C-alpha atoms as a PDB file:
ATOM      1  CA  MET A   1     -20.176 -10.900   9.136  1.00  0.00           C
ATOM      2  CA  ASN A   2     -21.466 -10.799   5.569  1.00  0.00           C
ATOM      3  CA  ALA A   3     -19.606 -12.720   2.882  1.00  0.00           C
ATOM      4  CA  LEU A   4     -17.240 -10.605   0.815  1.00  0.00           C
ATOM      5  CA  ASP A   5     -18.501  -9.517  -2.592  1.00  0.00           C
ATOM      6  CA  LEU A   6     -16.131 -11.223  -5.038  1.00  0.00           C
ATOM      7  CA  THR A   7     -17.632  -9.751  -8.201  1.00  0.00           C
ATOM      8  CA  VAL A   8     -15.238  -8.444 -10.857  1.00  0.00           C
ATOM      9  CA  GLY A   9     -15.287  -4.642 -10.660  1.00  0.00           C
ATOM     10  CA  THR A  10     -16.026  -4.523  -6.929  1.00  0.00           C
ATOM     11  CA  THR A  11     -14.043  -1.833  -5.113  1.00  0.00           C
ATOM     12  CA  LEU A  12     -12.448  -2.769  -1.797  1.00  0.00           C
ATOM     13  CA  PRO A  13     -13.026  -0.473   1.181  1.00  0.00           C
ATOM     14  CA  PRO A  14     -10.296   2.177   0.824  1.00  0.00           C
ATOM     15  CA  LEU A  15      -7.465   2.756   3.281  1.00  0.00           C
ATOM     16  CA  ARG A  16      -6.501   6.343   3.948  1.00  0.00           C
ATOM     17  CA  THR A  17      -3.665   7.507   6.150  1.00  0.00           C
ATOM     18  CA  GLY A  18      -3.491  10.888   7.766  1.00  0.00           C
ATOM     19  CA  PRO A  19      -0.368  12.915   7.142  1.00  0.00           C
ATOM     20  CA  ILE A  20       2.646  10.594   7.434  1.00  0.00           C
ATOM     21  CA  THR A  21       4.788  12.065  10.195  1.00  0.00           C
ATOM     22  CA  ARG A  22       8.569  12.136  10.481  1.00  0.00           C
ATOM     23  CA  HIS A  23       8.192   9.981  13.575  1.00  0.00           C
ATOM     24  CA  ARG A  24       6.303   7.289  11.623  1.00  0.00           C
ATOM     25  CA  VAL A  25       8.920   7.363   8.852  1.00  0.00           C
ATOM     26  CA  ALA A  26      11.721   7.077  11.434  1.00  0.00           C
ATOM     27  CA  MET A  27       9.938   4.128  13.094  1.00  0.00           C
ATOM     28  CA  TYR A  28       9.579   2.449   9.692  1.00  0.00           C
ATOM     29  CA  ALA A  29      13.238   3.156   8.869  1.00  0.00           C
ATOM     30  CA  HIS A  30      14.446   1.519  12.067  1.00  0.00           C
ATOM     31  CA  GLY A  31      12.024  -1.403  11.791  1.00  0.00           C
ATOM     32  CA  SER A  32      12.972  -2.119   8.179  1.00  0.00           C
ATOM     33  CA  GLY A  33      16.675  -1.390   8.587  1.00  0.00           C
ATOM     34  CA  ASP A  34      16.510   1.114   5.697  1.00  0.00           C
ATOM     35  CA  LEU A  35      18.208   4.135   7.247  1.00  0.00           C
ATOM     36  CA  ASN A  36      18.918   5.909   3.964  1.00  0.00           C
ATOM     37  CA  PRO A  37      19.215   9.577   4.975  1.00  0.00           C
ATOM     38  CA  ILE A  38      16.778  10.755   2.263  1.00  0.00           C
ATOM     39  CA  HIS A  39      14.100   9.242   4.523  1.00  0.00           C
ATOM     40  CA  VAL A  40      15.241  10.488   7.933  1.00  0.00           C
ATOM     41  CA  ASP A  41      17.527  13.505   7.575  1.00  0.00           C
ATOM     42  CA  PRO A  42      15.876  16.675   6.186  1.00  0.00           C
ATOM     43  CA  ASP A  43      19.233  18.465   5.787  1.00  0.00           C
ATOM     44  CA  PHE A  44      20.666  15.568   3.766  1.00  0.00           C
ATOM     45  CA  ALA A  45      17.502  15.317   1.669  1.00  0.00           C
ATOM     46  CA  ARG A  46      17.680  19.024   0.817  1.00  0.00           C
ATOM     47  CA  ASP A  47      21.423  19.654   0.605  1.00  0.00           C
ATOM     48  CA  LYS A  48      22.757  16.387  -0.786  1.00  0.00           C
ATOM     49  CA  ALA A  49      19.821  14.821  -2.645  1.00  0.00           C
ATOM     50  CA  GLY A  50      18.201  18.018  -3.942  1.00  0.00           C
ATOM     51  CA  LEU A  51      14.785  17.153  -2.491  1.00  0.00           C
ATOM     52  CA  PRO A  52      12.549  19.702  -0.790  1.00  0.00           C
ATOM     53  CA  ASP A  53      12.314  17.448   2.289  1.00  0.00           C
ATOM     54  CA  THR A  54      12.595  13.808   3.316  1.00  0.00           C
ATOM     55  CA  ILE A  55      10.537  11.211   1.471  1.00  0.00           C
ATOM     56  CA  VAL A  56       8.591   8.208   2.696  1.00  0.00           C
ATOM     57  CA  HIS A  57      10.002   4.757   1.863  1.00  0.00           C
ATOM     58  CA  GLY A  58       8.453   3.215  -1.243  1.00  0.00           C
ATOM     59  CA  MET A  59       8.021  -0.012   0.680  1.00  0.00           C
ATOM     60  CA  TYR A  60       5.921   1.881   3.246  1.00  0.00           C
ATOM     61  CA  SER A  61       3.409   2.531   0.460  1.00  0.00           C
ATOM     62  CA  MET A  62       3.525  -1.130  -0.531  1.00  0.00           C
ATOM     63  CA  GLY A  63       2.960  -2.056   3.110  1.00  0.00           C
ATOM     64  CA  MET A  64      -0.145   0.135   3.207  1.00  0.00           C
ATOM     65  CA  LEU A  65      -1.427  -1.567   0.040  1.00  0.00           C
ATOM     66  CA  SER A  66      -0.867  -4.908   1.788  1.00  0.00           C
ATOM     67  CA  ARG A  67      -2.768  -3.624   4.826  1.00  0.00           C
ATOM     68  CA  LEU A  68      -5.665  -2.663   2.537  1.00  0.00           C
ATOM     69  CA  LEU A  69      -5.809  -6.294   1.385  1.00  0.00           C
ATOM     70  CA  THR A  70      -5.534  -7.888   4.827  1.00  0.00           C
ATOM     71  CA  GLN A  71      -8.159  -5.568   6.293  1.00  0.00           C
ATOM     72  CA  TRP A  72     -10.472  -6.733   3.514  1.00  0.00           C
ATOM     73  CA  ALA A  73      -9.698 -10.466   3.349  1.00  0.00           C
ATOM     74  CA  GLY A  74      -7.966 -11.180   6.658  1.00  0.00           C
ATOM     75  CA  PRO A  75      -4.450 -11.920   7.918  1.00  0.00           C
ATOM     76  CA  GLY A  76      -2.487 -14.397   5.808  1.00  0.00           C
ATOM     77  CA  SER A  77      -4.703 -13.847   2.758  1.00  0.00           C
ATOM     78  CA  VAL A  78      -2.150 -12.194   0.443  1.00  0.00           C
ATOM     79  CA  ARG A  79      -0.487 -14.767  -1.791  1.00  0.00           C
ATOM     80  CA  SER A  80       1.507 -12.344  -3.935  1.00  0.00           C
ATOM     81  CA  ILE A  81       1.816  -8.635  -4.513  1.00  0.00           C
ATOM     82  CA  GLU A  82       3.741  -6.679  -7.093  1.00  0.00           C
ATOM     83  CA  THR A  83       4.074  -2.943  -7.074  1.00  0.00           C
ATOM     84  CA  ARG A  84       5.468  -0.329  -9.429  1.00  0.00           C
ATOM     85  CA  PHE A  85       6.454   2.909  -7.743  1.00  0.00           C
ATOM     86  CA  ALA A  86       5.345   5.946  -9.737  1.00  0.00           C
ATOM     87  CA  ALA A  87       6.519   8.904  -7.640  1.00  0.00           C
ATOM     88  CA  MET A  88       8.146   9.910  -4.389  1.00  0.00           C
ATOM     89  CA  LEU A  89       5.837  10.424  -1.425  1.00  0.00           C
ATOM     90  CA  PRO A  90       6.869  13.447   0.646  1.00  0.00           C
ATOM     91  CA  VAL A  91       6.806  13.297   4.417  1.00  0.00           C
ATOM     92  CA  LYS A  92       3.607  14.902   5.787  1.00  0.00           C
ATOM     93  CA  ALA A  93       1.606  13.695   2.752  1.00  0.00           C
ATOM     94  CA  SER A  94      -1.468  11.508   3.128  1.00  0.00           C
ATOM     95  CA  LEU A  95      -1.723   8.201   1.300  1.00  0.00           C
ATOM     96  CA  HIS A  96      -4.935   6.849  -0.224  1.00  0.00           C
ATOM     97  CA  CYS A  97      -4.934   3.118  -1.080  1.00  0.00           C
ATOM     98  CA  GLU A  98      -7.577   1.484  -3.241  1.00  0.00           C
ATOM     99  CA  GLY A  99      -8.201  -1.888  -4.827  1.00  0.00           C
ATOM    100  CA  VAL A 100     -10.569  -3.217  -7.488  1.00  0.00           C
ATOM    101  CA  ILE A 101     -11.275  -6.895  -8.154  1.00  0.00           C
ATOM    102  CA  GLU A 102     -10.063  -7.835 -11.633  1.00  0.00           C
ATOM    103  CA  ALA A 103     -10.548 -11.618 -11.635  1.00  0.00           C
ATOM    104  CA  VAL A 104     -11.848 -14.414  -9.444  1.00  0.00           C
ATOM    105  CA  GLU A 105     -10.834 -18.071  -9.792  1.00  0.00           C
ATOM    106  CA  ALA A 106     -12.060 -21.059  -7.847  1.00  0.00           C
ATOM    107  CA  ALA A 107      -9.406 -22.438  -5.517  1.00  0.00           C
ATOM    108  CA  ASP A 108      -9.300 -25.258  -2.993  1.00  0.00           C
ATOM    109  CA  GLY A 109     -11.463 -24.075  -0.101  1.00  0.00           C
ATOM    110  CA  GLY A 110     -12.223 -20.638  -1.508  1.00  0.00           C
ATOM    111  CA  SER A 111     -11.308 -18.228  -4.277  1.00  0.00           C
ATOM    112  CA  LEU A 112      -8.106 -16.714  -5.629  1.00  0.00           C
ATOM    113  CA  VAL A 113      -8.859 -13.062  -6.291  1.00  0.00           C
ATOM    114  CA  THR A 114      -6.759 -10.742  -8.452  1.00  0.00           C
ATOM    115  CA  VAL A 115      -6.893  -7.167  -7.171  1.00  0.00           C
ATOM    116  CA  LYS A 116      -5.647  -4.107  -9.051  1.00  0.00           C
ATOM    117  CA  LEU A 117      -4.039  -1.724  -6.563  1.00  0.00           C
ATOM    118  CA  ALA A 118      -3.452   2.020  -6.539  1.00  0.00           C
ATOM    119  CA  ALA A 119      -1.841   4.306  -3.986  1.00  0.00           C
ATOM    120  CA  THR A 120      -2.214   8.044  -4.490  1.00  0.00           C
ATOM    121  CA  GLN A 121      -1.614  11.240  -2.585  1.00  0.00           C
ATOM    122  CA  ALA A 122      -4.657  13.149  -1.337  1.00  0.00           C
ATOM    123  CA  ASP A 123      -4.575  15.269  -4.519  1.00  0.00           C
ATOM    124  CA  GLY A 124      -4.905  12.128  -6.670  1.00  0.00           C
ATOM    125  CA  SER A 125      -1.320  12.010  -7.942  1.00  0.00           C
ATOM    126  CA  ALA A 126      -0.063   8.442  -8.359  1.00  0.00           C
ATOM    127  CA  VAL A 127       2.442   7.035  -5.863  1.00  0.00           C
ATOM    128  CA  ALA A 128       2.306   3.301  -6.649  1.00  0.00           C
ATOM    129  CA  ALA A 129       0.259   0.771  -8.617  1.00  0.00           C
ATOM    130  CA  GLY A 130       0.222  -2.979  -8.727  1.00  0.00           C
ATOM    131  CA  LEU A 131      -1.536  -6.313  -8.690  1.00  0.00           C
ATOM    132  CA  ALA A 132      -2.109  -8.779  -5.902  1.00  0.00           C
ATOM    133  CA  GLN A 133      -3.350 -12.327  -5.580  1.00  0.00           C
ATOM    134  CA  VAL A 134      -5.506 -12.795  -2.489  1.00  0.00           C
ATOM    135  CA  PHE A 135      -6.982 -16.046  -1.190  1.00  0.00           C
ATOM    136  CA  VAL A 136     -10.494 -15.661   0.194  1.00  0.00           C
ATOM    137  CA  ALA A 137     -11.725 -18.650   2.157  1.00  0.00           C
ATOM    138  CA  ALA A 138     -15.186 -19.965   1.316  1.00  0.00           C
ATOM    139  CA  GLY A 139     -17.822 -18.187   3.391  1.00  0.00           C
ATOM    140  CA  ARG A 140     -15.573 -15.249   4.292  1.00  0.00           C
END
């Protein structure tokens, strides 16, 4: 394995989901304990919440941003992550997650890397944005 490029401005390998299915949203809802009907009940989402359909949990998007980081730097590498949700993600949409290195600091046994994060729909519309601190062990 080649060492990771920790140069400011480097883009992480992107993470792209296929269309997010109702089944996946239901699995996430049950796993997270967030059974809000706007996520799992299309009739409620339309008739009571005024949405065209159910929406994906915001934390699902944050989870995919976290996955982007751990696929790049390894399990246990994320030290902190903060996310601002910009828009609702409809069920059946695809999610594109990207990260760009903003800063690199020396740390005991490696580097602490600040990564700017973005999650968008396939059409480029923003879903979430944030910053993360990721520890990259020396030689990784």
